[in-house]
C-alpha cells in the first residue's frame, strides 16, 4: 500500500497544532484578562508520553481510514467492471 507521506505529515502538523492550542487554552495564554491562578497548572500539564500516545492513536486511525477508502474504491471498481461486461 502506498500512502502519500506529505499528506500524513500535513495532518500530523495540524494535529500537533491543535494540541498546542488546547494547552494554551488550559493555561489561559490566549486570554490574558483571566488570572493564571484560575486554572491549576497541573490540569494543563501532561507527560510527553501522553501526547505521543495521542499522536500514535491519531496516526493509526488515519492509516485505517486510508486503507478503508482504498479497499472501498477497489471494491467499487471491481463491481463496475463486472456490470459492464
Protein backbone atom coordinates (compact mmCIF):
# COMPACT_ATOMS: atom_id res chain seq x y z
CA UNK A 1 0.00 0.00 0.00
CA UNK A 2 1.32 3.40 -0.93
CA UNK A 3 0.27 6.34 1.22
CA UNK A 4 1.20 9.91 0.50
CA UNK A 5 3.70 10.80 3.26
CA UNK A 6 3.30 14.53 2.60
CA UNK A 7 -0.43 14.30 3.37
CA UNK A 8 0.24 12.37 6.58
CA UNK A 9 2.83 14.94 7.70
CA UNK A 10 0.37 17.76 6.98
CA UNK A 11 -2.33 16.06 9.07
CA UNK A 12 0.18 15.37 11.87
CA UNK A 13 1.27 19.00 11.99
CA UNK A 14 -2.36 20.15 12.20
CA UNK A 15 -2.98 17.63 14.99
CA UNK A 16 0.08 18.82 16.93
CA UNK A 17 -1.05 22.42 16.43
CA UNK A 18 -4.45 21.56 17.92
CA UNK A 19 -2.74 20.02 20.96
CA UNK A 20 -0.64 23.16 21.45
CA UNK A 21 -3.77 25.34 21.21
CA UNK A 22 -5.52 23.14 23.77
CA UNK A 23 -2.61 23.52 26.19
CA UNK A 24 -2.54 27.29 25.61
CA UNK A 25 -6.28 27.47 26.36
CA UNK A 26 -5.83 25.47 29.56
CA UNK A 27 -3.01 27.77 30.62
CA UNK A 28 -5.13 30.79 29.65
CA UNK A 29 -2.39 32.05 27.33
CA UNK A 30 -4.99 33.05 24.76
CA UNK A 31 -6.98 35.04 27.37
CA UNK A 32 -4.65 37.45 29.17
CA UNK A 33 -7.52 39.06 31.11
CA UNK A 34 -8.11 35.81 33.04
CA UNK A 35 -5.79 35.39 36.01
CA UNK A 36 -3.44 32.40 35.54
CA UNK A 37 -4.28 31.11 39.01
CA UNK A 38 -7.89 30.40 37.93
CA UNK A 39 -6.80 27.09 36.37
CA UNK A 40 -4.32 24.88 38.19
CA UNK A 41 -1.14 24.31 36.22
CA UNK A 42 -1.33 20.56 36.81
CA UNK A 43 -4.57 20.35 34.81
CA UNK A 44 -2.78 21.58 31.68
CA UNK A 45 0.48 19.69 32.03
CA UNK A 46 0.68 16.08 30.99
CA UNK A 47 3.68 13.84 30.41
CA UNK A 48 5.14 13.92 26.91
CA UNK A 49 4.26 10.24 26.51
CA UNK A 50 0.58 11.20 26.76
CA UNK A 51 0.84 13.41 23.66
CA UNK A 52 2.89 10.81 21.80
CA UNK A 53 0.15 8.31 22.62
CA UNK A 54 -2.49 10.66 21.22
CA UNK A 55 -0.42 11.16 18.08
CA UNK A 56 0.07 7.39 17.69
CA UNK A 57 -3.68 6.75 18.06
CA UNK A 58 -4.49 9.52 15.59
CA UNK A 59 -1.96 8.22 13.05
CA UNK A 60 -3.34 4.68 13.39
CA UNK A 61 -6.85 5.99 12.78
CA UNK A 62 -5.73 7.93 9.70
CA UNK A 63 -4.00 4.88 8.23
CA UNK A 64 -7.05 2.69 8.90
CA UNK A 65 -9.27 5.27 7.21
CA UNK A 66 -6.98 5.42 4.16
CA UNK A 67 -6.97 1.62 3.93
CA UNK A 68 -10.75 1.50 4.21
CA UNK A 69 -11.20 4.12 1.48
CA UNK A 70 -8.74 2.33 -0.80
CA UNK A 71 -10.48 -1.01 -0.19
CA UNK A 72 -13.89 0.52 -0.95
CA UNK A 73 -12.61 2.12 -4.15
CA UNK A 74 -11.12 -1.20 -5.22
CA UNK A 75 -14.38 -2.99 -4.44
CA UNK A 76 -16.47 -0.39 -6.32
CA UNK A 77 -14.17 -0.56 -9.33
CA UNK A 78 -14.43 -4.34 -9.41
CA UNK A 79 -18.24 -4.27 -9.30
CA UNK A 80 -18.50 -1.72 -12.11
CA UNK A 81 -16.18 -3.76 -14.30
CA UNK A 82 -18.32 -6.89 -13.92
CA UNK A 83 -21.56 -5.00 -14.60
CA UNK A 84 -20.20 -3.51 -17.82
CA UNK A 85 -19.02 -6.86 -19.21
